[in-house]
Amino acid sequence: MPWLEEVEKTLSDTFWNVELVQNLETSSVNSPYLCVFWAASCRESSDSLFNEGSKFSNLITTMGDVHHIFPKQYLIDNGINDKAKYNQVANFTYLDTPTNIAVGKDEPGKYFTKVFEQCKTGEYHIGNLKSEDAIKKNLADNCVPLEIKDWTFKDYEKFLTERRKLMAKKIRAYYEKL
């Protein structure tokens, strides 16, 4: 398949590390790059954010809620009013409804910290992750930077940049396994 070889020549490190990351800078839920990211998450059998055993693929196909990792209202309340900004695809994930309700409109630093604290208290209000190692793996699987627990709206752009890079790495790994 010579045409495939020609196409693959364009998939240089620059494509994966720069162009793909830039293409993830969109608010279109119909973005082919977002769709491939979701496909990678399904193929990898990733657990949904905060929930061990609740597969991303189940949420995307049947009963998941699209969730803004930095909640939309939180961003608006803090001066990020541009729909194209708060609806960036790098700010989206799928959550089950109870988890989405538990997170609510809290800032990420607050609700991610609660998830870490649950490991110590044994009282689970957001998801079901029972150890810090499980949380770290879950964040990595969902391409969420670990530092998010320390971030506020002032770090939103940094979050988007870092998450896009992680999403691009996941897409690349998915492609290379095809």
Protein backbone atom coordinates (compact mmCIF):
# COMPACT_ATOMS: atom_id res chain seq x y z
CA MET A 1 0.00 0.00 0.00
CA PRO A 2 2.22 2.81 -1.25
CA TRP A 3 -0.41 5.47 -0.48
CA LEU A 4 -0.39 4.49 3.20
CA GLU A 5 3.39 4.76 3.30
CA GLU A 6 3.11 8.25 1.82
CA VAL A 7 0.54 9.28 4.40
CA GLU A 8 2.61 7.87 7.24
CA LYS A 9 5.62 9.92 6.14
CA THR A 10 3.63 13.01 7.13
CA LEU A 11 3.14 11.63 10.64
CA SER A 12 6.44 12.91 11.97
CA ASP A 13 7.17 13.87 15.55
CA THR A 14 6.23 17.40 14.53
CA PHE A 15 2.78 16.17 13.54
CA TRP A 16 2.24 14.29 16.81
CA ASN A 17 3.80 16.85 19.16
CA VAL A 18 2.80 20.12 17.50
CA GLU A 19 0.20 19.87 14.75
CA LEU A 20 -2.07 17.39 16.52
CA VAL A 21 -1.85 19.37 19.76
CA GLN A 22 -2.82 22.51 17.83
CA ASN A 23 -5.70 20.68 16.15
CA LEU A 24 -7.05 19.79 19.59
CA GLU A 25 -7.45 23.51 20.24
CA THR A 26 -11.10 23.58 19.24
CA SER A 27 -14.54 23.78 20.77
CA SER A 28 -16.14 21.53 18.16
CA VAL A 29 -17.45 18.30 19.63
CA ASN A 30 -17.50 17.04 16.04
CA SER A 31 -13.74 17.45 15.81
CA PRO A 32 -12.24 14.33 14.23
CA TYR A 33 -9.34 14.65 16.68
CA LEU A 34 -11.70 14.50 19.66
CA CYS A 35 -13.46 11.52 18.10
CA VAL A 36 -10.14 9.69 17.70
CA PHE A 37 -9.26 10.52 21.32
CA TRP A 38 -12.56 9.04 22.45
CA ALA A 39 -11.98 6.00 20.23
CA ALA A 40 -8.55 5.57 21.82
CA SER A 41 -10.12 5.71 25.28
CA CYS A 42 -12.68 3.09 24.27
CA ARG A 43 -10.11 0.82 22.62
CA GLU A 44 -7.88 1.08 25.68
CA SER A 45 -10.86 0.15 27.84
CA SER A 46 -10.15 3.18 30.02
CA ASP A 47 -12.12 3.67 33.19
CA SER A 48 -14.09 6.89 33.34
CA LEU A 49 -12.74 9.75 35.40
CA PHE A 50 -12.92 8.96 39.14
CA ASN A 51 -14.52 5.53 38.67
CA GLU A 52 -12.75 2.21 38.60
CA GLY A 53 -14.80 -0.31 36.66
CA SER A 54 -17.01 2.27 34.96
CA LYS A 55 -15.73 2.13 31.41
CA PHE A 56 -15.47 5.25 29.30
CA SER A 57 -16.95 3.29 26.39
CA ASN A 58 -20.13 2.60 28.36
CA LEU A 59 -20.57 6.26 29.21
CA ILE A 60 -20.01 7.45 25.67
CA THR A 61 -22.46 4.97 24.16
CA THR A 62 -25.27 4.81 26.69
CA MET A 63 -25.57 6.98 29.73
CA GLY A 64 -22.69 9.35 30.28
CA ASP A 65 -22.81 13.08 30.90
CA VAL A 66 -20.40 15.37 29.09
CA HIS A 67 -18.59 17.16 31.89
CA HIS A 68 -16.45 20.29 31.80
CA ILE A 69 -13.37 19.43 33.88
CA PHE A 70 -13.15 23.14 34.67
CA PRO A 71 -16.91 23.61 35.11
CA LYS A 72 -18.47 26.07 32.70
CA GLN A 73 -20.20 28.13 35.39
CA TYR A 74 -17.01 28.28 37.45
CA LEU A 75 -15.14 29.68 34.45
CA ILE A 76 -17.92 32.16 33.64
CA ASP A 77 -18.05 33.31 37.28
CA ASN A 78 -14.33 33.99 37.03
CA GLY A 79 -14.45 36.03 33.84
CA ILE A 80 -13.94 33.36 31.18
CA ASN A 81 -17.14 34.11 29.28
CA ASP A 82 -16.19 33.12 25.75
CA LYS A 83 -18.09 29.96 24.81
CA ALA A 84 -15.25 28.92 22.51
CA LYS A 85 -12.90 29.08 25.52
CA TYR A 86 -14.90 27.22 28.17
CA ASN A 87 -16.11 24.63 25.64
CA GLN A 88 -12.64 23.56 24.54
CA VAL A 89 -12.58 19.82 23.78
CA ALA A 90 -9.62 19.47 26.13
CA ASN A 91 -11.99 20.55 28.90
CA PHE A 92 -14.46 17.72 28.20
CA THR A 93 -14.77 14.26 29.62
CA TYR A 94 -17.59 11.85 30.24
CA LEU A 95 -18.80 11.15 33.77
CA ASP A 96 -21.60 9.03 35.10
CA THR A 97 -24.50 11.12 36.36
CA PRO A 98 -23.92 10.63 40.12
CA THR A 99 -20.28 11.66 39.75
CA ASN A 100 -21.22 14.66 37.62
CA ILE A 101 -23.74 15.77 40.24
CA ALA A 102 -21.21 15.28 43.06
CA VAL A 103 -18.66 17.43 41.24
CA GLY A 104 -21.22 20.11 40.45
CA LYS A 105 -19.81 23.55 39.74
CA ASP A 106 -16.84 23.27 42.08
CA GLU A 107 -13.45 24.37 40.92
CA PRO A 108 -11.20 21.46 39.96
CA GLY A 109 -8.75 22.13 42.78
CA LYS A 110 -11.57 21.60 45.24
CA TYR A 111 -13.14 18.46 43.82
CA PHE A 112 -9.88 16.77 42.83
CA THR A 113 -8.60 17.39 46.35
CA LYS A 114 -11.78 15.77 47.72
CA VAL A 115 -11.07 12.69 45.61
CA PHE A 116 -7.57 12.42 47.09
CA GLU A 117 -8.91 12.98 50.63
CA GLN A 118 -11.47 10.18 50.18
CA CYS A 119 -8.60 7.71 50.16
CA LYS A 120 -7.74 8.73 53.71
CA THR A 121 -11.26 8.97 55.10
CA GLY A 122 -12.86 6.03 53.30
CA GLU A 123 -15.94 8.17 52.65
CA TYR A 124 -16.56 8.22 48.91
CA HIS A 125 -18.65 11.06 47.51
CA ILE A 126 -16.98 11.48 44.13
CA GLY A 127 -16.31 8.22 42.33
CA ASN A 128 -14.90 5.08 43.87
CA LEU A 129 -11.10 5.30 43.68
CA LYS A 130 -9.62 3.94 46.88
CA SER A 131 -5.91 4.76 46.69
CA GLU A 132 -3.64 7.54 45.52
CA ASP A 133 -2.06 5.13 43.05
CA ALA A 134 -5.51 4.37 41.61
CA ILE A 135 -6.22 8.10 41.31
CA LYS A 136 -2.91 8.78 39.58
CA LYS A 137 -3.51 5.93 37.12
CA ASN A 138 -7.05 7.14 36.49
CA LEU A 139 -5.88 10.69 35.82
CA ALA A 140 -3.19 9.40 33.45
CA ASP A 141 -5.72 7.18 31.64
CA ASN A 142 -8.01 10.19 31.24
CA CYS A 143 -5.16 12.52 30.21
CA VAL A 144 -5.70 14.84 33.15
CA PRO A 145 -2.53 16.44 34.55
CA LEU A 146 -1.91 15.47 38.17
CA GLU A 147 -1.26 19.13 39.02
CA ILE A 148 -4.94 19.93 38.44
CA LYS A 149 -5.63 19.56 42.16
CA ASP A 150 -3.60 22.72 42.71
CA TRP A 151 -5.02 24.76 39.83
CA THR A 152 -7.65 27.48 39.67
CA PHE A 153 -9.22 29.41 36.81
CA LYS A 154 -5.93 31.30 36.54
CA ASP A 155 -4.34 28.03 35.39
CA TYR A 156 -7.03 27.16 32.85
CA GLU A 157 -4.87 27.87 29.80
CA LYS A 158 -2.03 25.83 31.29
CA PHE A 159 -4.47 22.98 31.91
CA LEU A 160 -5.72 23.08 28.32
CA THR A 161 -2.17 23.08 26.95
CA GLU A 162 -1.06 20.19 29.14
CA ARG A 163 -4.18 18.13 28.53
CA ARG A 164 -3.93 18.58 24.76
CA LYS A 165 -0.38 17.23 24.88
CA LEU A 166 -1.52 14.21 26.89
CA MET A 167 -4.46 13.64 24.55
CA ALA A 168 -2.12 13.76 21.54
CA LYS A 169 0.16 11.17 23.16
CA LYS A 170 -2.81 8.88 23.73
CA ILE A 171 -3.95 9.30 20.13
CA ARG A 172 -0.44 8.50 18.90
CA ALA A 173 -0.22 5.37 21.04
CA TYR A 174 -3.62 4.30 19.73
CA TYR A 175 -2.58 4.85 16.11
CA GLU A 176 0.67 2.97 16.56
CA LYS A 177 -1.23 -0.07 17.87
CA LEU A 178 -3.53 -0.24 14.84
